[in-house]
PDB file of all heavy atoms in Angstrom:
ATOM      1  N   LYS A   1      -2.250 -14.269   6.573  1.00  0.00           N
ATOM      2  CA  LYS A   1      -2.095 -13.495   7.808  1.00  0.00           C
ATOM      3  C   LYS A   1      -0.767 -12.738   7.822  1.00  0.00           C
ATOM      4  O   LYS A   1      -0.695 -11.604   8.290  1.00  0.00           O
ATOM      5  CB  LYS A   1      -2.196 -14.401   9.030  1.00  0.00           C
ATOM      6  CG  LYS A   1      -3.601 -14.893   9.274  1.00  0.00           C
ATOM      7  CD  LYS A   1      -3.679 -15.779  10.497  1.00  0.00           C
ATOM      8  CE  LYS A   1      -5.102 -16.270  10.687  1.00  0.00           C
ATOM      9  NZ  LYS A   1      -5.205 -17.170  11.823  1.00  0.00           N
ATOM     10  N   THR A   2       0.268 -13.359   7.301  1.00  0.00           N
ATOM     11  CA  THR A   2       1.565 -12.679   7.217  1.00  0.00           C
ATOM     12  C   THR A   2       1.459 -11.451   6.313  1.00  0.00           C
ATOM     13  O   THR A   2       1.969 -10.385   6.645  1.00  0.00           O
ATOM     14  CB  THR A   2       2.640 -13.643   6.676  1.00  0.00           C
ATOM     15  OG1 THR A   2       2.721 -14.766   7.556  1.00  0.00           O
ATOM     16  CG2 THR A   2       3.986 -12.970   6.593  1.00  0.00           C
ATOM     17  N   ALA A   3       0.774 -11.611   5.191  1.00  0.00           N
ATOM     18  CA  ALA A   3       0.617 -10.483   4.270  1.00  0.00           C
ATOM     19  C   ALA A   3      -0.195  -9.364   4.905  1.00  0.00           C
ATOM     20  O   ALA A   3       0.165  -8.189   4.804  1.00  0.00           O
ATOM     21  CB  ALA A   3      -0.044 -10.953   2.975  1.00  0.00           C
ATOM     22  N   VAL A   4      -1.286  -9.722   5.603  1.00  0.00           N
ATOM     23  CA  VAL A   4      -2.174  -8.716   6.187  1.00  0.00           C
ATOM     24  C   VAL A   4      -1.518  -8.003   7.364  1.00  0.00           C
ATOM     25  O   VAL A   4      -1.630  -6.785   7.499  1.00  0.00           O
ATOM     26  CB  VAL A   4      -3.511  -9.362   6.620  1.00  0.00           C
ATOM     27  CG1 VAL A   4      -4.335  -8.405   7.469  1.00  0.00           C
ATOM     28  CG2 VAL A   4      -4.302  -9.807   5.398  1.00  0.00           C
ATOM     29  N   TRP A   5      -0.821  -8.726   8.229  1.00  0.00           N
ATOM     30  CA  TRP A   5      -0.317  -8.131   9.469  1.00  0.00           C
ATOM     31  C   TRP A   5       1.149  -7.705   9.412  1.00  0.00           C
ATOM     32  O   TRP A   5       1.567  -6.865  10.211  1.00  0.00           O
ATOM     33  CB  TRP A   5      -0.527  -9.081  10.642  1.00  0.00           C
ATOM     34  CG  TRP A   5      -1.984  -9.315  10.869  1.00  0.00           C
ATOM     35  CD1 TRP A   5      -2.685 -10.439  10.557  1.00  0.00           C
ATOM     36  CD2 TRP A   5      -2.932  -8.391  11.403  1.00  0.00           C
ATOM     37  NE1 TRP A   5      -4.015 -10.288  10.861  1.00  0.00           N
ATOM     38  CE2 TRP A   5      -4.185  -9.023  11.399  1.00  0.00           C
ATOM     39  CE3 TRP A   5      -2.839  -7.089  11.873  1.00  0.00           C
ATOM     40  CZ2 TRP A   5      -5.341  -8.401  11.849  1.00  0.00           C
ATOM     41  CZ3 TRP A   5      -4.005  -6.470  12.334  1.00  0.00           C
ATOM     42  CH2 TRP A   5      -5.221  -7.125  12.319  1.00  0.00           C
ATOM     43  N   ALA A   6       1.933  -8.256   8.488  1.00  0.00           N
ATOM     44  CA  ALA A   6       3.365  -7.913   8.451  1.00  0.00           C
ATOM     45  C   ALA A   6       3.753  -7.094   7.222  1.00  0.00           C
ATOM     46  O   ALA A   6       4.641  -6.253   7.298  1.00  0.00           O
ATOM     47  CB  ALA A   6       4.211  -9.184   8.511  1.00  0.00           C
ATOM     48  N   ILE A   7       3.095  -7.339   6.101  1.00  0.00           N
ATOM     49  CA  ILE A   7       3.474  -6.649   4.866  1.00  0.00           C
ATOM     50  C   ILE A   7       2.582  -5.437   4.604  1.00  0.00           C
ATOM     51  O   ILE A   7       3.072  -4.335   4.350  1.00  0.00           O
ATOM     52  CB  ILE A   7       3.451  -7.619   3.660  1.00  0.00           C
ATOM     53  CG1 ILE A   7       4.478  -8.730   3.873  1.00  0.00           C
ATOM     54  CG2 ILE A   7       3.724  -6.876   2.364  1.00  0.00           C
ATOM     55  CD1 ILE A   7       4.433  -9.833   2.836  1.00  0.00           C
ATOM     56  N   TRP A   8       1.249  -5.615   4.668  1.00  0.00           N
ATOM     57  CA  TRP A   8       0.313  -4.541   4.325  1.00  0.00           C
ATOM     58  C   TRP A   8       0.547  -3.251   5.114  1.00  0.00           C
ATOM     59  O   TRP A   8       0.545  -2.175   4.511  1.00  0.00           O
ATOM     60  CB  TRP A   8      -1.128  -5.027   4.470  1.00  0.00           C
ATOM     61  CG  TRP A   8      -2.128  -3.989   4.101  1.00  0.00           C
ATOM     62  CD1 TRP A   8      -2.984  -3.350   4.934  1.00  0.00           C
ATOM     63  CD2 TRP A   8      -2.360  -3.436   2.804  1.00  0.00           C
ATOM     64  NE1 TRP A   8      -3.746  -2.443   4.241  1.00  0.00           N
ATOM     65  CE2 TRP A   8      -3.386  -2.474   2.938  1.00  0.00           C
ATOM     66  CE3 TRP A   8      -1.799  -3.646   1.548  1.00  0.00           C
ATOM     67  CZ2 TRP A   8      -3.853  -1.734   1.859  1.00  0.00           C
ATOM     68  CZ3 TRP A   8      -2.277  -2.902   0.483  1.00  0.00           C
ATOM     69  CH2 TRP A   8      -3.287  -1.966   0.634  1.00  0.00           C
ATOM     70  N   PRO A   9       0.747  -3.296   6.440  1.00  0.00           N
ATOM     71  CA  PRO A   9       0.980  -2.030   7.159  1.00  0.00           C
ATOM     72  C   PRO A   9       2.210  -1.262   6.666  1.00  0.00           C
ATOM     73  O   PRO A   9       2.253  -0.039   6.770  1.00  0.00           O
ATOM     74  CB  PRO A   9       1.172  -2.466   8.612  1.00  0.00           C
ATOM     75  CG  PRO A   9       0.476  -3.775   8.712  1.00  0.00           C
ATOM     76  CD  PRO A   9       0.651  -4.421   7.369  1.00  0.00           C
ATOM     77  N   GLN A  10       3.169  -1.970   6.108  1.00  0.00           N
ATOM     78  CA  GLN A  10       4.382  -1.310   5.626  1.00  0.00           C
ATOM     79  C   GLN A  10       4.229  -0.733   4.223  1.00  0.00           C
ATOM     80  O   GLN A  10       4.991   0.157   3.838  1.00  0.00           O
ATOM     81  CB  GLN A  10       5.553  -2.291   5.636  1.00  0.00           C
ATOM     82  CG  GLN A  10       5.939  -2.753   7.025  1.00  0.00           C
ATOM     83  CD  GLN A  10       7.156  -3.640   6.976  1.00  0.00           C
ATOM     84  OE1 GLN A  10       8.219  -3.194   6.540  1.00  0.00           O
ATOM     85  NE2 GLN A  10       7.014  -4.879   7.411  1.00  0.00           N
ATOM     86  N   ILE A  11       3.261  -1.240   3.466  1.00  0.00           N
ATOM     87  CA  ILE A  11       3.130  -0.775   2.083  1.00  0.00           C
ATOM     88  C   ILE A  11       1.855   0.011   1.825  1.00  0.00           C
ATOM     89  O   ILE A  11       1.634   0.458   0.702  1.00  0.00           O
ATOM     90  CB  ILE A  11       3.240  -1.936   1.072  1.00  0.00           C
ATOM     91  CG1 ILE A  11       2.084  -2.908   1.217  1.00  0.00           C
ATOM     92  CG2 ILE A  11       4.583  -2.615   1.165  1.00  0.00           C
ATOM     93  CD1 ILE A  11       1.963  -3.887   0.065  1.00  0.00           C
ATOM     94  N   ILE A  12       1.024   0.234   2.830  1.00  0.00           N
ATOM     95  CA  ILE A  12      -0.243   0.927   2.604  1.00  0.00           C
ATOM     96  C   ILE A  12      -0.026   2.361   2.104  1.00  0.00           C
ATOM     97  O   ILE A  12      -0.718   2.817   1.198  1.00  0.00           O
ATOM     98  CB  ILE A  12      -1.158   0.902   3.846  1.00  0.00           C
ATOM     99  CG1 ILE A  12      -2.538   1.454   3.474  1.00  0.00           C
ATOM    100  CG2 ILE A  12      -0.531   1.637   5.002  1.00  0.00           C
ATOM    101  CD1 ILE A  12      -3.588   1.230   4.532  1.00  0.00           C
ATOM    102  N   ARG A  13       0.946   3.064   2.660  1.00  0.00           N
ATOM    103  CA  ARG A  13       1.202   4.437   2.194  1.00  0.00           C
ATOM    104  C   ARG A  13       1.678   4.461   0.743  1.00  0.00           C
ATOM    105  O   ARG A  13       1.167   5.251  -0.053  1.00  0.00           O
ATOM    106  CB  ARG A  13       2.198   5.130   3.120  1.00  0.00           C
ATOM    107  CG  ARG A  13       1.561   5.448   4.479  1.00  0.00           C
ATOM    108  CD  ARG A  13       2.437   6.281   5.326  1.00  0.00           C
ATOM    109  NE  ARG A  13       2.451   7.639   4.788  1.00  0.00           N
ATOM    110  CZ  ARG A  13       3.403   8.512   5.044  1.00  0.00           C
ATOM    111  NH1 ARG A  13       4.402   8.200   5.820  1.00  0.00           N
ATOM    112  NH2 ARG A  13       3.345   9.713   4.536  1.00  0.00           N
ATOM    113  N   PRO A  14       2.665   3.625   0.369  1.00  0.00           N
ATOM    114  CA  PRO A  14       3.045   3.623  -1.052  1.00  0.00           C
ATOM    115  C   PRO A  14       1.906   3.192  -1.975  1.00  0.00           C
ATOM    116  O   PRO A  14       1.760   3.746  -3.068  1.00  0.00           O
ATOM    117  CB  PRO A  14       4.204   2.633  -1.131  1.00  0.00           C
ATOM    118  CG  PRO A  14       4.734   2.532   0.246  1.00  0.00           C
ATOM    119  CD  PRO A  14       3.590   2.802   1.156  1.00  0.00           C
ATOM    120  N   VAL A  15       1.077   2.233  -1.549  1.00  0.00           N
ATOM    121  CA  VAL A  15      -0.045   1.794  -2.377  1.00  0.00           C
ATOM    122  C   VAL A  15      -0.988   2.967  -2.638  1.00  0.00           C
ATOM    123  O   VAL A  15      -1.388   3.215  -3.777  1.00  0.00           O
ATOM    124  CB  VAL A  15      -0.812   0.621  -1.716  1.00  0.00           C
ATOM    125  CG1 VAL A  15      -2.164   0.395  -2.369  1.00  0.00           C
ATOM    126  CG2 VAL A  15       0.007  -0.646  -1.761  1.00  0.00           C
ATOM    127  N   LEU A  16      -1.323   3.693  -1.596  1.00  0.00           N
ATOM    128  CA  LEU A  16      -2.200   4.844  -1.735  1.00  0.00           C
ATOM    129  C   LEU A  16      -1.556   5.918  -2.614  1.00  0.00           C
ATOM    130  O   LEU A  16      -2.191   6.461  -3.521  1.00  0.00           O
ATOM    131  CB  LEU A  16      -2.534   5.412  -0.359  1.00  0.00           C
ATOM    132  CG  LEU A  16      -3.641   6.441  -0.287  1.00  0.00           C
ATOM    133  CD1 LEU A  16      -4.958   5.847  -0.747  1.00  0.00           C
ATOM    134  CD2 LEU A  16      -3.768   6.953   1.128  1.00  0.00           C
ATOM    135  N   SER A  17      -0.307   6.193  -2.368  1.00  0.00           N
ATOM    136  CA  SER A  17       0.405   7.202  -3.138  1.00  0.00           C
ATOM    137  C   SER A  17       0.487   6.815  -4.614  1.00  0.00           C
ATOM    138  O   SER A  17       0.231   7.643  -5.499  1.00  0.00           O
ATOM    139  CB  SER A  17       1.813   7.380  -2.563  1.00  0.00           C
ATOM    140  OG  SER A  17       2.536   8.318  -3.294  1.00  0.00           O
ATOM    141  N   TYR A  18       0.829   5.568  -4.903  1.00  0.00           N
ATOM    142  CA  TYR A  18       0.934   5.118  -6.291  1.00  0.00           C
ATOM    143  C   TYR A  18      -0.423   5.100  -6.977  1.00  0.00           C
ATOM    144  O   TYR A  18      -0.519   5.374  -8.178  1.00  0.00           O
ATOM    145  CB  TYR A  18       1.573   3.737  -6.378  1.00  0.00           C
ATOM    146  CG  TYR A  18       2.976   3.671  -5.860  1.00  0.00           C
ATOM    147  CD1 TYR A  18       3.462   2.510  -5.272  1.00  0.00           C
ATOM    148  CD2 TYR A  18       3.842   4.758  -5.934  1.00  0.00           C
ATOM    149  CE1 TYR A  18       4.763   2.443  -4.791  1.00  0.00           C
ATOM    150  CE2 TYR A  18       5.121   4.699  -5.449  1.00  0.00           C
ATOM    151  CZ  TYR A  18       5.585   3.537  -4.877  1.00  0.00           C
ATOM    152  OH  TYR A  18       6.858   3.471  -4.398  1.00  0.00           O
ATOM    153  N   SER A  19      -1.471   4.786  -6.234  1.00  0.00           N
ATOM    154  CA  SER A  19      -2.809   4.771  -6.824  1.00  0.00           C
ATOM    155  C   SER A  19      -3.225   6.171  -7.264  1.00  0.00           C
ATOM    156  O   SER A  19      -3.750   6.353  -8.363  1.00  0.00           O
ATOM    157  CB  SER A  19      -3.820   4.204  -5.830  1.00  0.00           C
ATOM    158  OG  SER A  19      -3.506   2.873  -5.521  1.00  0.00           O
ATOM    159  N   PHE A  20      -2.997   7.154  -6.404  1.00  0.00           N
ATOM    160  CA  PHE A  20      -3.324   8.529  -6.785  1.00  0.00           C
ATOM    161  C   PHE A  20      -2.422   9.020  -7.912  1.00  0.00           C
ATOM    162  O   PHE A  20      -2.869   9.742  -8.802  1.00  0.00           O
ATOM    163  CB  PHE A  20      -3.238   9.465  -5.580  1.00  0.00           C
ATOM    164  CG  PHE A  20      -4.467   9.427  -4.725  1.00  0.00           C
ATOM    165  CD1 PHE A  20      -4.429   8.901  -3.452  1.00  0.00           C
ATOM    166  CD2 PHE A  20      -5.669   9.915  -5.202  1.00  0.00           C
ATOM    167  CE1 PHE A  20      -5.563   8.866  -2.663  1.00  0.00           C
ATOM    168  CE2 PHE A  20      -6.812   9.892  -4.424  1.00  0.00           C
ATOM    169  CZ  PHE A  20      -6.761   9.355  -3.147  1.00  0.00           C
ATOM    170  N   TYR A  21      -1.167   8.625  -7.880  1.00  0.00           N
ATOM    171  CA  TYR A  21      -0.258   9.001  -8.968  1.00  0.00           C
ATOM    172  C   TYR A  21      -0.749   8.414 -10.291  1.00  0.00           C
ATOM    173  O   TYR A  21      -0.769   9.101 -11.318  1.00  0.00           O
ATOM    174  CB  TYR A  21       1.159   8.515  -8.646  1.00  0.00           C
ATOM    175  CG  TYR A  21       2.138   8.734  -9.767  1.00  0.00           C
ATOM    176  CD1 TYR A  21       2.537  10.015 -10.139  1.00  0.00           C
ATOM    177  CD2 TYR A  21       2.658   7.655 -10.470  1.00  0.00           C
ATOM    178  CE1 TYR A  21       3.427  10.214 -11.178  1.00  0.00           C
ATOM    179  CE2 TYR A  21       3.555   7.848 -11.512  1.00  0.00           C
ATOM    180  CZ  TYR A  21       3.932   9.128 -11.851  1.00  0.00           C
ATOM    181  OH  TYR A  21       4.811   9.314 -12.888  1.00  0.00           O
ATOM    182  N   ALA A  22      -1.168   7.149 -10.263  1.00  0.00           N
ATOM    183  CA  ALA A  22      -1.672   6.508 -11.479  1.00  0.00           C
ATOM    184  C   ALA A  22      -2.931   7.202 -11.982  1.00  0.00           C
ATOM    185  O   ALA A  22      -3.100   7.396 -13.192  1.00  0.00           O
ATOM    186  CB  ALA A  22      -1.960   5.031 -11.216  1.00  0.00           C
ATOM    187  N   LEU A  23      -3.810   7.611 -11.064  1.00  0.00           N
ATOM    188  CA  LEU A  23      -5.012   8.330 -11.471  1.00  0.00           C
ATOM    189  C   LEU A  23      -4.654   9.653 -12.140  1.00  0.00           C
ATOM    190  O   LEU A  23      -5.212  10.009 -13.187  1.00  0.00           O
ATOM    191  CB  LEU A  23      -5.916   8.570 -10.254  1.00  0.00           C
ATOM    192  CG  LEU A  23      -7.221   9.315 -10.510  1.00  0.00           C
ATOM    193  CD1 LEU A  23      -8.094   8.583 -11.521  1.00  0.00           C
ATOM    194  CD2 LEU A  23      -7.960   9.527  -9.203  1.00  0.00           C
ATOM    195  N   GLU A  24      -3.701  10.365 -11.564  1.00  0.00           N
ATOM    196  CA  GLU A  24      -3.262  11.635 -12.140  1.00  0.00           C
ATOM    197  C   GLU A  24      -2.657  11.434 -13.532  1.00  0.00           C
ATOM    198  O   GLU A  24      -2.963  12.167 -14.477  1.00  0.00           O
ATOM    199  CB  GLU A  24      -2.242  12.288 -11.212  1.00  0.00           C
ATOM    200  CG  GLU A  24      -1.786  13.643 -11.651  1.00  0.00           C
ATOM    201  CD  GLU A  24      -0.777  14.234 -10.680  1.00  0.00           C
ATOM    202  OE1 GLU A  24      -0.912  14.036  -9.469  1.00  0.00           O
ATOM    203  OE2 GLU A  24       0.163  14.897 -11.169  1.00  0.00           O
TER     204      GLU A  24
END
């Protein structure tokens, strides 16, 4: 729950950005 509600909202943008960067 800590990961889902406290950590994930803060890292979702970098995760998405890094995923697209890795695909490129």
